[in-house]
Protein backbone atom coordinates (compact mmCIF):
# COMPACT_ATOMS: atom_id res chain seq x y z
CA MET A 1 12.06 29.30 -13.21
CA ARG A 2 10.68 26.75 -11.07
CA LEU A 3 13.02 23.71 -9.90
CA LEU A 4 11.82 20.59 -7.91
CA HIS A 5 14.64 19.41 -5.54
CA THR A 6 14.68 15.93 -4.24
CA SER A 7 17.45 13.59 -3.29
CA ASP A 8 18.34 10.20 -1.60
CA LEU A 9 16.08 7.86 -3.55
CA HIS A 10 18.14 4.83 -2.89
CA LEU A 11 16.63 2.70 -5.90
CA GLY A 12 17.13 -0.84 -5.24
CA LYS A 13 16.98 -0.52 -1.53
CA GLN A 14 15.92 -3.69 0.45
CA LEU A 15 14.62 -2.98 4.10
CA LEU A 16 15.19 -6.15 6.09
CA GLY A 17 14.60 -8.37 3.11
CA ARG A 18 11.72 -6.40 1.77
CA SER A 19 12.12 -4.67 -1.49
CA LEU A 20 11.02 -0.98 -2.04
CA GLU A 21 10.64 -1.36 -5.70
CA ALA A 22 6.85 -1.01 -5.79
CA ALA A 23 7.19 2.06 -3.40
CA HIS A 24 9.67 3.68 -5.83
CA ASP A 25 7.18 2.99 -8.75
CA ARG A 26 4.43 4.84 -7.05
CA PHE A 27 6.86 7.60 -6.03
CA PHE A 28 7.85 8.29 -9.60
CA ASP A 29 4.16 8.13 -10.76
CA TRP A 30 3.38 10.81 -8.06
CA LEU A 31 6.38 12.81 -9.07
CA ILE A 32 5.53 13.04 -12.70
CA ALA A 33 2.08 14.24 -11.45
CA ALA A 34 3.64 16.85 -9.24
CA VAL A 35 5.78 18.02 -12.14
CA ASP A 36 2.64 18.36 -14.22
CA ALA A 37 0.57 20.12 -11.51
CA HIS A 38 3.22 22.68 -10.52
CA ALA A 39 4.52 23.52 -13.92
CA VAL A 40 8.09 22.37 -12.91
CA ASP A 41 11.05 23.28 -15.40
CA VAL A 42 13.87 21.27 -13.84
CA VAL A 43 13.97 18.31 -11.60
CA LEU A 44 17.30 18.09 -9.55
CA ILE A 45 18.14 14.74 -7.65
CA ALA A 46 20.79 15.57 -5.29
CA GLY A 47 22.58 12.17 -4.92
CA ASP A 48 22.23 8.75 -3.80
CA ILE A 49 20.17 7.81 -6.72
CA TYR A 50 20.78 4.09 -6.09
CA GLU A 51 21.27 1.90 -2.96
CA VAL A 52 24.49 0.43 -4.14
CA ALA A 53 27.16 0.97 -6.60
CA MET A 54 26.11 -1.60 -8.91
CA PRO A 55 22.23 -1.33 -8.69
CA PRO A 56 19.68 -4.01 -10.09
CA SER A 57 18.40 -3.59 -13.41
CA TYR A 58 14.87 -2.55 -12.25
CA ALA A 59 16.49 0.18 -10.44
CA ARG A 60 18.16 1.44 -13.56
CA ARG A 61 14.85 1.04 -15.50
CA GLN A 62 12.92 3.23 -12.89
CA LEU A 63 15.29 6.24 -13.24
CA TYR A 64 15.33 6.02 -17.13
CA ARG A 65 11.42 5.73 -17.26
CA PHE A 66 11.20 8.88 -14.98
CA VAL A 67 13.67 10.96 -16.85
CA ASP A 68 12.03 9.82 -20.32
CA ALA A 69 8.56 10.83 -19.03
CA ALA A 70 10.07 14.13 -17.69
CA ALA A 71 11.73 14.94 -21.16
CA GLN A 72 8.49 14.26 -22.89
CA ARG A 73 7.22 17.33 -21.08
CA GLY A 74 9.98 19.46 -21.87
CA VAL A 75 11.45 19.16 -18.23
CA THR A 76 15.14 18.83 -17.70
CA THR A 77 16.26 16.24 -15.01
CA VAL A 78 19.68 16.78 -13.21
CA VAL A 79 21.19 13.68 -11.78
CA VAL A 80 23.93 14.10 -9.13
CA ALA A 81 25.82 11.13 -8.02
CA GLY A 82 26.14 10.55 -4.22
CA ASN A 83 28.25 8.52 -1.85
CA HIS A 84 26.27 5.27 -2.42
CA ASP A 85 26.60 5.83 -6.27
CA SER A 86 29.38 4.64 -8.55
CA PRO A 87 30.48 7.47 -10.68
CA ALA A 88 30.79 5.10 -13.61
CA THR A 89 27.36 3.68 -13.20
CA ILE A 90 25.64 7.12 -13.20
CA GLY A 91 27.86 8.28 -16.13
CA GLU A 92 27.44 4.99 -18.28
CA ALA A 93 24.42 6.14 -20.15
CA GLY A 94 25.36 9.84 -20.47
CA CYS A 95 25.37 10.11 -24.28
CA LEU A 96 21.93 8.40 -24.41
CA LEU A 97 20.40 10.46 -21.27
CA ALA A 98 21.45 13.61 -22.86
CA ARG A 99 18.82 13.13 -25.52
CA ALA A 100 16.38 12.81 -22.67
CA ASN A 101 17.23 16.35 -21.38
CA THR A 102 19.16 14.73 -18.69
CA LEU A 103 22.39 16.34 -17.15
CA LEU A 104 24.73 14.05 -15.16
CA VAL A 105 26.76 15.41 -12.44
CA HIS A 106 28.52 11.99 -11.84
CA GLU A 107 32.34 12.79 -11.25
CA VAL A 108 34.56 15.62 -10.25
CA ALA A 109 36.00 17.15 -13.43
CA SER A 110 39.70 18.43 -13.75
CA ASN A 111 38.15 21.36 -15.67
CA PRO A 112 35.63 23.12 -13.69
CA ASP A 113 34.00 24.43 -16.87
CA ASP A 114 32.71 20.71 -17.36
CA GLN A 115 30.51 21.04 -14.29
CA VAL A 116 28.78 24.13 -15.37
CA HIS A 117 25.73 24.00 -17.39
CA VAL A 118 22.75 26.09 -18.50
CA LEU A 119 19.35 24.83 -16.89
CA PRO A 120 16.72 25.42 -19.55
CA ARG A 121 13.05 26.46 -18.78
CA ARG A 122 10.19 24.37 -20.72
CA ASP A 123 10.02 26.94 -23.25
CA GLY A 124 13.83 26.34 -24.01
CA LYS A 125 14.97 29.91 -22.76
CA PRO A 126 17.84 29.70 -20.07
CA GLY A 127 16.50 29.71 -16.54
CA ALA A 128 19.45 29.20 -14.34
CA ILE A 129 23.18 28.42 -14.39
CA LEU A 130 23.97 25.04 -12.79
CA CYS A 131 27.21 24.71 -10.51
CA GLY A 132 27.21 20.99 -10.39
CA VAL A 133 29.30 19.31 -7.90
CA PRO A 134 28.65 15.62 -6.78
CA PHE A 135 29.76 13.62 -3.91
CA VAL A 136 33.54 14.48 -3.36
CA ARG A 137 35.85 11.73 -2.46
CA PRO A 138 39.38 12.46 -1.07
CA ARG A 139 41.20 11.32 -3.98
CA ASP A 140 39.23 13.97 -6.18
CA VAL A 141 40.72 16.91 -4.34
CA MET A 142 43.88 15.84 -2.36
CA THR A 143 46.97 14.02 -2.58
CA SER A 144 48.24 11.92 0.37
CA VAL A 145 51.42 12.81 1.88
CA ALA A 146 53.51 10.47 4.07
CA GLY A 147 53.48 11.50 7.65
CA GLN A 148 50.60 13.49 7.77
CA THR A 149 48.57 13.33 10.85
CA LEU A 150 44.65 12.57 10.80
CA GLU A 151 44.04 16.28 11.41
CA GLN A 152 46.24 17.40 8.54
CA ARG A 153 44.67 15.04 6.11
CA GLN A 154 41.14 16.30 7.27
CA HIS A 155 42.05 19.78 6.80
CA ALA A 156 43.62 19.18 3.36
CA PHE A 157 40.20 17.34 2.29
CA ALA A 158 38.09 20.31 3.56
CA THR A 159 40.27 22.63 1.80
CA GLY A 160 40.22 20.62 -1.31
CA ILE A 161 36.37 20.63 -1.29
CA ALA A 162 36.13 24.15 -0.63
CA ASP A 163 38.74 25.11 -3.47
CA HIS A 164 36.88 22.88 -5.92
CA TYR A 165 33.55 24.57 -5.22
CA ALA A 166 35.24 27.80 -5.58
CA HIS A 167 36.62 26.96 -8.97
CA VAL A 168 33.38 25.68 -10.17
CA TYR A 169 31.41 28.74 -9.00
CA ALA A 170 33.87 30.99 -10.73
CA ALA A 171 33.30 29.25 -13.88
CA ALA A 172 29.43 29.34 -13.36
CA ARG A 173 29.79 33.05 -12.73
CA THR A 174 31.83 33.36 -16.19
CA ARG A 175 29.23 31.28 -17.96
CA ARG A 176 26.22 33.43 -16.43
CA ASP A 177 27.96 36.60 -17.52
CA ALA A 178 28.22 35.25 -21.33
CA VAL A 179 24.81 33.90 -21.24
CA ASP A 180 22.51 36.48 -19.15
CA PRO A 181 24.07 38.13 -16.07
CA ARG A 182 20.40 38.14 -14.61
CA LEU A 183 20.54 34.46 -14.26
CA PRO A 184 20.63 32.78 -10.86
CA ILE A 185 23.17 30.12 -10.02
CA VAL A 186 22.11 26.61 -8.50
CA ALA A 187 24.86 24.67 -6.79
CA THR A 188 24.69 21.17 -5.86
CA GLY A 189 26.29 18.89 -3.20
CA HIS A 190 26.02 15.63 -1.60
CA LEU A 191 27.74 15.87 1.81
CA ALA A 192 27.11 16.62 5.47
CA THR A 193 27.32 20.24 6.76
CA VAL A 194 27.71 21.57 10.01
CA GLY A 195 27.82 25.17 11.36
CA THR A 196 26.97 28.53 10.08
CA SER A 197 30.06 30.38 10.59
CA ARG A 198 33.86 29.96 10.52
CA SER A 199 34.01 30.11 14.49
CA GLU A 200 33.38 26.52 14.49
CA ALA A 201 36.65 24.52 14.17
CA MET A 202 37.16 22.42 11.12
CA HIS A 203 38.73 19.47 13.11
CA GLU A 204 35.56 19.19 15.19
CA ILE A 205 33.08 18.42 12.37
CA TYR A 206 34.83 15.38 10.98
CA VAL A 207 34.55 11.63 11.39
CA GLY A 208 37.41 10.05 9.72
CA LEU A 209 37.70 11.68 6.22
CA LEU A 210 34.14 12.10 5.66
CA ASN A 211 33.75 15.83 5.79
CA ALA A 212 30.78 17.53 7.82
CA PHE A 213 31.53 20.62 5.81
CA PRO A 214 30.94 24.24 7.19
CA THR A 215 28.12 25.91 5.46
CA ASP A 216 30.04 29.11 5.06
CA ALA A 217 32.48 27.25 2.97
CA LEU A 218 29.95 26.32 0.21
CA PRO A 219 29.57 28.97 -2.68
CA PRO A 220 27.38 32.05 -2.31
CA ALA A 221 25.09 30.70 -5.07
CA ASP A 222 21.45 31.69 -5.07
CA TYR A 223 20.26 28.17 -4.04
CA VAL A 224 22.23 25.28 -2.78
CA ALA A 225 20.67 21.75 -3.46
CA LEU A 226 22.01 19.28 -1.21
CA GLY A 227 21.62 15.73 -0.49
CA HIS A 228 22.85 13.11 2.04
CA ILE A 229 20.80 13.92 4.93
CA HIS A 230 17.60 12.11 4.97
CA ARG A 231 15.58 14.76 6.94
CA PRO A 232 14.74 18.29 5.61
CA MET A 233 17.04 20.92 6.87
CA THR A 234 17.32 24.87 6.12
CA MET A 235 20.60 26.84 6.48
CA GLY A 236 22.17 30.03 5.08
CA GLU A 237 21.15 33.47 6.06
CA ARG A 238 18.64 33.64 3.34
CA GLY A 239 17.55 29.80 3.86
CA GLN A 240 19.10 29.29 0.45
CA ILE A 241 20.82 26.12 1.51
CA ARG A 242 18.60 23.16 1.70
CA TYR A 243 18.36 19.47 2.38
CA CYS A 244 15.02 18.34 1.15
CA GLY A 245 15.47 14.80 2.71
CA ALA A 246 14.75 11.46 1.32
CA PRO A 247 11.45 11.32 -0.09
CA ILE A 248 10.65 7.65 1.02
CA ALA A 249 11.63 6.18 4.46
CA VAL A 250 14.49 3.67 3.94
CA ALA A 251 14.66 2.67 7.88
CA PHE A 252 12.36 2.81 10.60
CA ASP A 253 14.27 5.47 12.55
CA GLU A 254 12.96 7.96 9.57
CA LEU A 255 9.32 7.70 10.49
CA GLY A 256 9.53 10.76 12.60
CA HIS A 257 10.74 13.02 9.86
CA ASP A 258 8.63 14.88 7.46
CA LYS A 259 8.78 13.52 3.84
CA HIS A 260 8.89 16.22 1.11
CA VAL A 261 10.31 17.49 -1.98
CA LEU A 262 11.08 21.24 -2.56
CA LEU A 263 9.48 23.60 -4.98
CA VAL A 264 12.15 26.39 -5.58
CA ASP A 265 11.02 29.45 -7.64
CA PHE A 266 13.37 32.10 -8.91
CA GLU A 267 12.35 35.53 -9.99
CA ASN A 268 14.27 38.16 -11.75
CA GLY A 269 17.41 36.27 -11.18
CA THR A 270 17.03 35.69 -7.31
CA LEU A 271 15.62 33.08 -5.10
CA ALA A 272 12.01 34.06 -4.55
CA ARG A 273 10.46 31.16 -2.47
CA VAL A 274 10.97 27.63 -1.32
CA GLU A 275 7.82 25.44 -0.57
CA ALA A 276 7.69 22.22 0.80
CA LEU A 277 5.57 19.83 -1.14
CA PRO A 278 4.58 16.71 1.27
CA VAL A 279 5.17 13.24 -0.34
CA PRO A 280 2.60 10.50 0.48
CA MET A 281 3.84 7.41 2.31
CA PHE A 282 3.99 4.86 -0.37
CA GLN A 283 4.93 1.92 1.79
CA PRO A 284 3.21 2.12 4.98
CA MET A 285 5.78 1.69 8.14
CA ARG A 286 5.16 1.85 11.85
CA ARG A 287 6.65 1.17 15.05
CA VAL A 288 4.73 -0.43 17.79
CA ARG A 289 5.58 -0.93 21.52
CA GLY A 290 4.03 -2.92 24.37
CA ALA A 291 3.62 -5.91 26.42
CA LEU A 292 3.50 -9.30 24.71
CA ASP A 293 -0.14 -9.72 25.80
CA ASP A 294 -1.07 -6.42 24.22
CA MET A 295 0.36 -7.15 20.96
CA PRO A 296 -2.59 -8.86 19.26
CA GLY A 297 -4.91 -5.52 19.86
CA LEU A 298 -1.90 -3.24 18.96
CA LEU A 299 -1.26 -5.13 15.71
CA ALA A 300 -4.86 -5.20 14.89
CA ALA A 301 -5.11 -1.45 15.37
CA LEU A 302 -2.26 -0.95 12.94
CA ALA A 303 -3.53 -3.17 10.22
CA ALA A 304 -6.98 -1.54 10.21
CA PRO A 305 -6.37 1.12 7.63
CA HIS A 306 -4.55 -1.01 5.22
CA VAL A 307 -5.25 -3.85 2.81
CA PRO A 308 -3.39 -7.37 2.52
CA GLU A 309 -1.97 -6.21 -0.91
CA LEU A 310 -0.12 -3.49 0.77
CA PRO A 311 0.60 -4.21 4.43
CA VAL A 312 2.05 -2.06 6.83
CA TRP A 313 5.71 -2.95 7.59
CA VAL A 314 6.13 -3.03 11.40
CA GLU A 315 9.05 -2.87 13.82
CA ALA A 316 7.89 -4.23 17.17
CA THR A 317 9.44 -3.40 20.69
CA ILE A 318 8.21 -5.76 23.35
CA ASP A 319 8.48 -4.90 26.79
CA ILE A 320 9.03 -8.31 28.45
CA GLY A 321 11.41 -9.79 31.39
CA GLY A 322 13.60 -12.70 30.85
CA TYR A 323 14.02 -14.83 27.72
CA VAL A 324 11.06 -15.83 25.38
CA PRO A 325 11.85 -18.27 22.76
CA ASP A 326 10.34 -17.88 19.35
CA LEU A 327 9.38 -14.28 19.73
CA MET A 328 9.22 -13.32 16.01
CA ALA A 329 7.12 -16.50 15.35
CA ARG A 330 4.76 -15.80 18.21
CA LEU A 331 4.30 -12.16 16.85
CA ARG A 332 3.72 -13.45 13.27
CA ALA A 333 1.12 -15.90 14.44
CA MET A 334 -0.57 -12.97 16.23
CA ALA A 335 -0.67 -11.09 12.78
CA GLN A 336 -2.14 -13.84 10.84
CA GLY A 337 -4.75 -12.73 8.51
CA LEU A 338 -3.93 -9.11 9.22
CA ALA A 339 -2.52 -6.59 6.92
CA VAL A 340 0.82 -6.63 8.79
CA ASP A 341 4.33 -7.59 8.01
CA ILE A 342 6.54 -7.72 10.97
CA LEU A 343 10.19 -7.03 9.74
CA ARG A 344 11.97 -6.52 13.24
CA VAL A 345 11.65 -7.09 16.82
CA HIS A 346 13.39 -5.41 19.82
CA ARG A 347 13.02 -6.77 23.35
CA ILE A 348 13.50 -4.70 26.38
CA GLY A 349 13.41 -4.92 29.93
CA GLY A 350 14.52 -7.77 32.24
CA ASP A 351 17.61 -9.57 31.02
CA ALA A 352 17.44 -7.41 27.88
CA GLY A 353 18.19 -4.10 29.67
CA ASP A 354 16.84 -0.71 28.92
CA ALA A 355 19.16 -0.14 25.75
CA GLY A 356 17.24 -2.92 24.04
CA ILE A 357 18.49 -6.11 22.62
CA GLN A 358 17.25 -7.30 19.27
CA ALA A 359 15.75 -10.68 19.00
CA PRO A 360 17.50 -12.92 16.31
CA LEU A 361 15.49 -12.76 13.30
CA ARG A 362 17.55 -14.35 10.47
CA THR A 363 20.89 -16.01 10.23
CA LEU A 364 23.92 -13.90 9.40
CA HIS A 365 24.26 -15.22 5.94
CA GLU A 366 20.88 -13.93 5.12
CA MET A 367 21.71 -10.53 5.81
CA ARG A 368 23.34 -7.89 4.02
CA PRO A 369 26.43 -6.07 5.68
CA ARG A 370 24.53 -2.76 5.93
CA GLU A 371 21.84 -4.40 7.95
CA VAL A 372 24.25 -6.19 10.40
CA PHE A 373 25.96 -2.54 10.78
CA GLU A 374 22.67 -1.01 11.44
CA GLN A 375 22.12 -3.53 14.12
CA LEU A 376 25.15 -2.91 15.73
CA LEU A 377 24.45 0.95 15.85
CA ASP A 378 20.96 0.06 17.30
CA GLY A 379 22.75 -1.05 20.52
CA CYS A 380 24.36 2.53 20.77
CA SER A 381 21.87 4.46 23.07
CA ASP A 382 23.97 7.62 23.09
CA LEU A 383 24.28 7.72 19.24
CA ASP A 384 22.37 10.84 17.98
CA ASP A 385 20.85 10.86 14.70
CA GLN A 386 23.21 13.22 13.07
CA ARG A 387 26.32 11.19 14.13
CA ARG A 388 24.51 8.19 13.04
CA ASP A 389 24.03 9.45 9.58
CA ILE A 390 27.66 10.45 9.34
CA ILE A 391 28.78 6.99 10.67
CA CYS A 392 26.46 5.15 8.27
CA ALA A 393 27.85 7.23 5.25
CA LEU A 394 31.38 6.17 6.31
CA PHE A 395 30.35 2.69 6.17
CA ASP A 396 28.60 2.94 3.06
CA ARG A 397 31.63 4.61 1.36
CA VAL A 398 33.96 1.81 2.31
CA ALA A 399 31.40 -0.89 1.37
CA ASN A 400 30.85 0.78 -1.96
CA GLU A 401 34.81 0.93 -2.59
CA VAL A 402 35.16 -2.49 -1.53
CA SER A 403 32.38 -3.87 -3.85
CA ALA A 404 33.21 -1.91 -6.71
CA PRO A 405 34.32 -3.92 -9.62
CA THR A 406 37.73 -4.08 -11.14
CA GLY A 407 38.33 -0.69 -13.24
CA ASP A 408 35.77 1.16 -11.40
CA PRO A 409 37.38 3.79 -9.22
CA SER A 410 34.26 4.38 -7.27
């Protein structure tokens, strides 16, 4: 069986006021072509299908069109809920999507058997057993106890996740024995992982109650398809634990990371190979840095490979001393007539300091909460990528819970 692993689509995403809708349309067209070209049996999307808990209608349509196109080819799609997703939103069309060969892993079930499925090949024969686990929230696996310390709550959360995985994996093994003992088991997850052995203390790998889960606490599945981290990562003694990363850059600081999906082959019931399939850049994005006087030439060079219908989005960093008024307006005037769209400006040097101060681009009421939060993080020069990912995920979880409509527990 051949599985295609992707994650973190963030459908409905807006980057500094610009929509990624067209880029996601182009990605799905490419993805269907890849499914055909590589004879894929199952497409697994490991969480963060949408950017927000209540995504716009066009984002829902994008997902539904894809699963319909995949189903017409006899391909099964597995949709796993992430921390950006509302379980209710992901699960709302379950009865209909089941008719389109779609399995929804949208919530933590009380019965582990409900999170186990048989993944068919295109010919309809069983290809693998799915040990399906979505993003796990504290309320899914633990009960708050009065007087607990933060460390005790963290440990209870970690233990709850590990126990839940163990129960679902045990149910998956039972299902495999009943269907075909030779089938591989594929597990899913949407979380941050740290470490490869139990020597790394549990309390050192948490921020709040968002679990940076030790890899050796994951089940011993033949392949573990993870989401949440936007860059590719390989873990496990056999390289069987994988983050595929986000296929489309949803922030400028992702431009240095490879973007690909993973083709996962199983032979004789075991993992045979994992191949990275590079994803083209469907929305050009670049960073540029230089003196203000150099910007016309730098912007022209960036624009040269592009067309006005698909301009390159630019984050500019200006080496400049002192305050210069209307810096954004000046840069946009320099880009007039070029296939360039300047989204953000940073100013460094002089009064701005080495850490960089972002020039004001829009008023606060024009910005989304996530954008304001990201700008605050931009000023933290000692914040590495992994810690930033964890902090952003914490923010997203809180924002999703605050914005969830009444009756939706997400």
